Amino acid sequence: MERYLEVSQEAGAALFSRNIAGPVVMLNLLRFRAVADYSPTPELAPPAPISGAEAFQKYMDHTEPFLKESGGEILFLGKGGSYLIGPQAEQWDFVMLIRQNSLADFMAFSSNQAYLVGLGHRTAALEDSRLLPLVAAQAATE
């Protein structure tokens, strides 16, 4: 099973080639590990094992101040589940909508060195994820 946890160079380049002007909303679909895997970042590991959901909460607690500092905001946090329309075997534990004022603000946030220190909590937490940048449109044909 292929997992998606990090942005590829190709995907990053494709995002910037869209020349998005104005706000962007990031749709996050997240599947947690049963037990967080801190092996790549043992310095962040808590003294006792924790769940992926608990590790992701540590990531959110660390991340939210940097998100706000960059002008970003959390629009929605919610529990996922099975699709009503879509592959029934594909389930997501948690869903987020994060708004940034611009791609430049998103890049400033995502490359902030102080933010990056806590990124290991996200990696430890997630079994799989999807990140879809959304841009407001007036009609479906835009």
C-alpha atoms as a PDB file:
ATOM      1  CA  MET A   1       0.000   0.000   0.000  1.00  0.00           C
ATOM      2  CA  GLU A   2       1.404   3.359  -1.043  1.00  0.00           C
ATOM      3  CA  ARG A   3       1.386   6.047   1.644  1.00  0.00           C
ATOM      4  CA  TYR A   4       1.471   9.803   1.222  1.00  0.00           C
ATOM      5  CA  LEU A   5       3.041  11.787   4.050  1.00  0.00           C
ATOM      6  CA  GLU A   6       5.253  14.430   2.414  1.00  0.00           C
ATOM      7  CA  VAL A   7       4.978  16.877  -0.486  1.00  0.00           C
ATOM      8  CA  SER A   8       6.934  15.769  -3.559  1.00  0.00           C
ATOM      9  CA  GLN A   9       8.966  18.267  -5.589  1.00  0.00           C
ATOM     10  CA  GLU A  10       6.706  17.651  -8.577  1.00  0.00           C
ATOM     11  CA  ALA A  11       3.537  18.327  -6.587  1.00  0.00           C
ATOM     12  CA  GLY A  12       5.016  21.495  -5.079  1.00  0.00           C
ATOM     13  CA  ALA A  13       6.042  22.777  -8.507  1.00  0.00           C
ATOM     14  CA  ALA A  14       2.590  21.980  -9.917  1.00  0.00           C
ATOM     15  CA  LEU A  15       0.933  23.911  -7.081  1.00  0.00           C
ATOM     16  CA  PHE A  16       2.998  27.019  -7.795  1.00  0.00           C
ATOM     17  CA  SER A  17       2.454  26.724 -11.543  1.00  0.00           C
ATOM     18  CA  ARG A  18      -1.280  27.253 -10.883  1.00  0.00           C
ATOM     19  CA  ASN A  19      -0.452  30.918 -10.080  1.00  0.00           C
ATOM     20  CA  ILE A  20      -3.071  31.048  -7.342  1.00  0.00           C
ATOM     21  CA  ALA A  21      -3.809  34.623  -6.316  1.00  0.00           C
ATOM     22  CA  GLY A  22      -5.456  35.157  -2.967  1.00  0.00           C
ATOM     23  CA  PRO A  23      -6.565  32.734  -0.281  1.00  0.00           C
ATOM     24  CA  VAL A  24      -6.044  28.994  -0.441  1.00  0.00           C
ATOM     25  CA  VAL A  25      -7.763  26.393   1.735  1.00  0.00           C
ATOM     26  CA  MET A  26      -5.948  23.131   2.386  1.00  0.00           C
ATOM     27  CA  LEU A  27      -8.159  20.047   2.718  1.00  0.00           C
ATOM     28  CA  ASN A  28      -6.354  17.527   4.927  1.00  0.00           C
ATOM     29  CA  LEU A  29      -7.488  13.894   5.096  1.00  0.00           C
ATOM     30  CA  LEU A  30      -5.634  12.009   7.823  1.00  0.00           C
ATOM     31  CA  ARG A  31      -5.356   8.369   8.862  1.00  0.00           C
ATOM     32  CA  PHE A  32      -3.667   7.801  12.211  1.00  0.00           C
ATOM     33  CA  ARG A  33      -1.377   5.005  13.293  1.00  0.00           C
ATOM     34  CA  ALA A  34      -2.659   2.878  16.182  1.00  0.00           C
ATOM     35  CA  VAL A  35       0.612   3.649  18.003  1.00  0.00           C
ATOM     36  CA  ALA A  36       2.717   6.692  17.071  1.00  0.00           C
ATOM     37  CA  ASP A  37       6.089   5.865  15.482  1.00  0.00           C
ATOM     38  CA  TYR A  38       8.757   8.236  16.774  1.00  0.00           C
ATOM     39  CA  SER A  39      11.696   6.206  15.432  1.00  0.00           C
ATOM     40  CA  PRO A  40      12.752   8.976  12.964  1.00  0.00           C
ATOM     41  CA  THR A  41      12.555  11.650  15.730  1.00  0.00           C
ATOM     42  CA  PRO A  42      13.253   9.950  19.077  1.00  0.00           C
ATOM     43  CA  GLU A  43      13.981  13.332  20.685  1.00  0.00           C
ATOM     44  CA  LEU A  44      10.252  14.172  20.375  1.00  0.00           C
ATOM     45  CA  ALA A  45       9.020  10.842  21.725  1.00  0.00           C
ATOM     46  CA  PRO A  46       7.046  10.929  24.962  1.00  0.00           C
ATOM     47  CA  PRO A  47       8.231   8.656  27.800  1.00  0.00           C
ATOM     48  CA  ALA A  48       5.497   6.079  27.129  1.00  0.00           C
ATOM     49  CA  PRO A  49       3.920   5.030  23.804  1.00  0.00           C
ATOM     50  CA  ILE A  50       0.951   7.111  22.633  1.00  0.00           C
ATOM     51  CA  SER A  51      -1.606   6.735  19.865  1.00  0.00           C
ATOM     52  CA  GLY A  52      -1.299   8.390  16.485  1.00  0.00           C
ATOM     53  CA  ALA A  53      -4.242  10.627  17.399  1.00  0.00           C
ATOM     54  CA  GLU A  54      -2.438  11.746  20.569  1.00  0.00           C
ATOM     55  CA  ALA A  55       0.752  12.431  18.613  1.00  0.00           C
ATOM     56  CA  PHE A  56      -1.242  14.463  16.100  1.00  0.00           C
ATOM     57  CA  GLN A  57      -2.690  16.547  18.948  1.00  0.00           C
ATOM     58  CA  LYS A  58       0.893  17.269  20.031  1.00  0.00           C
ATOM     59  CA  TYR A  59       1.591  18.392  16.449  1.00  0.00           C
ATOM     60  CA  MET A  60      -1.486  20.649  16.453  1.00  0.00           C
ATOM     61  CA  ASP A  61      -0.580  22.170  19.827  1.00  0.00           C
ATOM     62  CA  HIS A  62       2.910  22.929  18.517  1.00  0.00           C
ATOM     63  CA  THR A  63       1.710  24.163  15.113  1.00  0.00           C
ATOM     64  CA  GLU A  64      -1.239  26.435  15.870  1.00  0.00           C
ATOM     65  CA  PRO A  65       0.802  29.458  17.076  1.00  0.00           C
ATOM     66  CA  PHE A  66       2.915  29.384  13.887  1.00  0.00           C
ATOM     67  CA  LEU A  67      -0.200  29.006  11.747  1.00  0.00           C
ATOM     68  CA  LYS A  68      -1.810  32.053  13.375  1.00  0.00           C
ATOM     69  CA  GLU A  69       1.434  34.039  13.156  1.00  0.00           C
ATOM     70  CA  SER A  70       1.462  33.449   9.383  1.00  0.00           C
ATOM     71  CA  GLY A  71      -2.129  34.698   9.051  1.00  0.00           C
ATOM     72  CA  GLY A  72      -3.564  31.205   8.716  1.00  0.00           C
ATOM     73  CA  GLU A  73      -6.580  29.805  10.483  1.00  0.00           C
ATOM     74  CA  ILE A  74      -8.299  26.519  11.172  1.00  0.00           C
ATOM     75  CA  LEU A  75     -11.696  26.572   9.455  1.00  0.00           C
ATOM     76  CA  PHE A  76     -12.794  23.045  10.357  1.00  0.00           C
ATOM     77  CA  LEU A  77     -11.653  20.047  12.392  1.00  0.00           C
ATOM     78  CA  GLY A  78     -13.717  16.883  12.314  1.00  0.00           C
ATOM     79  CA  LYS A  79     -13.820  13.127  12.538  1.00  0.00           C
ATOM     80  CA  GLY A  80     -13.861  11.249   9.276  1.00  0.00           C
ATOM     81  CA  GLY A  81     -15.079   7.784   8.425  1.00  0.00           C
ATOM     82  CA  SER A  82     -16.222   5.932   5.316  1.00  0.00           C
ATOM     83  CA  TYR A  83     -17.176   7.694   2.112  1.00  0.00           C
ATOM     84  CA  LEU A  84     -20.825   8.025   1.188  1.00  0.00           C
ATOM     85  CA  ILE A  85     -19.631   8.166  -2.429  1.00  0.00           C
ATOM     86  CA  GLY A  86     -16.175   6.719  -2.916  1.00  0.00           C
ATOM     87  CA  PRO A  87     -14.106   3.663  -2.122  1.00  0.00           C
ATOM     88  CA  GLN A  88     -15.594   2.062   0.987  1.00  0.00           C
ATOM     89  CA  ALA A  89     -12.245   0.554   1.971  1.00  0.00           C
ATOM     90  CA  GLU A  90     -10.672   4.030   2.125  1.00  0.00           C
ATOM     91  CA  GLN A  91     -11.443   5.651   5.466  1.00  0.00           C
ATOM     92  CA  TRP A  92     -10.059   8.786   7.083  1.00  0.00           C
ATOM     93  CA  ASP A  93      -9.853   9.355  10.836  1.00  0.00           C
ATOM     94  CA  PHE A  94      -9.662  13.132  10.822  1.00  0.00           C
ATOM     95  CA  VAL A  95     -10.367  15.991   8.429  1.00  0.00           C
ATOM     96  CA  MET A  96      -9.097  19.568   8.551  1.00  0.00           C
ATOM     97  CA  LEU A  97      -9.634  22.692   6.500  1.00  0.00           C
ATOM     98  CA  ILE A  98      -6.816  25.203   6.956  1.00  0.00           C
ATOM     99  CA  ARG A  99      -6.988  28.640   5.332  1.00  0.00           C
ATOM    100  CA  GLN A 100      -3.998  30.726   4.339  1.00  0.00           C
ATOM    101  CA  ASN A 101      -4.201  34.215   2.826  1.00  0.00           C
ATOM    102  CA  SER A 102      -1.852  33.242  -0.003  1.00  0.00           C
ATOM    103  CA  LEU A 103       0.567  30.598  -1.212  1.00  0.00           C
ATOM    104  CA  ALA A 104       3.395  32.878  -0.063  1.00  0.00           C
ATOM    105  CA  ASP A 105       1.943  32.839   3.472  1.00  0.00           C
ATOM    106  CA  PHE A 106       1.593  29.050   3.288  1.00  0.00           C
ATOM    107  CA  MET A 107       5.237  28.733   2.239  1.00  0.00           C
ATOM    108  CA  ALA A 108       6.387  31.089   4.997  1.00  0.00           C
ATOM    109  CA  PHE A 109       4.486  28.966   7.518  1.00  0.00           C
ATOM    110  CA  SER A 110       5.617  25.593   6.176  1.00  0.00           C
ATOM    111  CA  SER A 111       9.298  26.613   5.996  1.00  0.00           C
ATOM    112  CA  ASN A 112       9.443  28.300   9.431  1.00  0.00           C
ATOM    113  CA  GLN A 113      12.320  26.597  11.249  1.00  0.00           C
ATOM    114  CA  ALA A 114      10.620  26.807  14.648  1.00  0.00           C
ATOM    115  CA  TYR A 115       7.519  25.113  13.172  1.00  0.00           C
ATOM    116  CA  LEU A 116       9.622  22.406  11.526  1.00  0.00           C
ATOM    117  CA  VAL A 117      11.028  21.360  14.929  1.00  0.00           C
ATOM    118  CA  GLY A 118       7.646  19.790  15.794  1.00  0.00           C
ATOM    119  CA  LEU A 119       6.923  18.222  12.404  1.00  0.00           C
ATOM    120  CA  GLY A 120       8.072  14.852  13.744  1.00  0.00           C
ATOM    121  CA  HIS A 121       4.855  14.620  15.772  1.00  0.00           C
ATOM    122  CA  ARG A 122       2.883  14.675  12.494  1.00  0.00           C
ATOM    123  CA  THR A 123       5.110  12.042  10.921  1.00  0.00           C
ATOM    124  CA  ALA A 124       4.860   9.849  14.032  1.00  0.00           C
ATOM    125  CA  ALA A 125       1.070  10.198  14.053  1.00  0.00           C
ATOM    126  CA  LEU A 126       0.139   9.449  10.454  1.00  0.00           C
ATOM    127  CA  GLU A 127      -0.337   6.194   8.622  1.00  0.00           C
ATOM    128  CA  ASP A 128      -1.452   8.051   5.481  1.00  0.00           C
ATOM    129  CA  SER A 129      -2.688  11.477   4.410  1.00  0.00           C
ATOM    130  CA  ARG A 130      -3.942  13.612   1.546  1.00  0.00           C
ATOM    131  CA  LEU A 131      -3.540  17.370   1.132  1.00  0.00           C
ATOM    132  CA  LEU A 132      -5.643  19.105  -1.502  1.00  0.00           C
ATOM    133  CA  PRO A 133      -5.255  22.869  -2.079  1.00  0.00           C
ATOM    134  CA  LEU A 134      -8.641  24.465  -2.764  1.00  0.00           C
ATOM    135  CA  VAL A 135      -9.368  27.847  -4.357  1.00  0.00           C
ATOM    136  CA  ALA A 136     -12.753  29.568  -4.336  1.00  0.00           C
ATOM    137  CA  ALA A 137     -14.568  29.617  -7.689  1.00  0.00           C
ATOM    138  CA  GLN A 138     -17.753  31.346  -8.777  1.00  0.00           C
ATOM    139  CA  ALA A 139     -18.863  28.410 -10.925  1.00  0.00           C
ATOM    140  CA  ALA A 140     -17.905  24.782 -11.498  1.00  0.00           C
ATOM    141  CA  THR A 141     -16.381  25.685 -14.873  1.00  0.00           C
ATOM    142  CA  GLU A 142     -13.761  28.059 -13.458  1.00  0.00           C
END
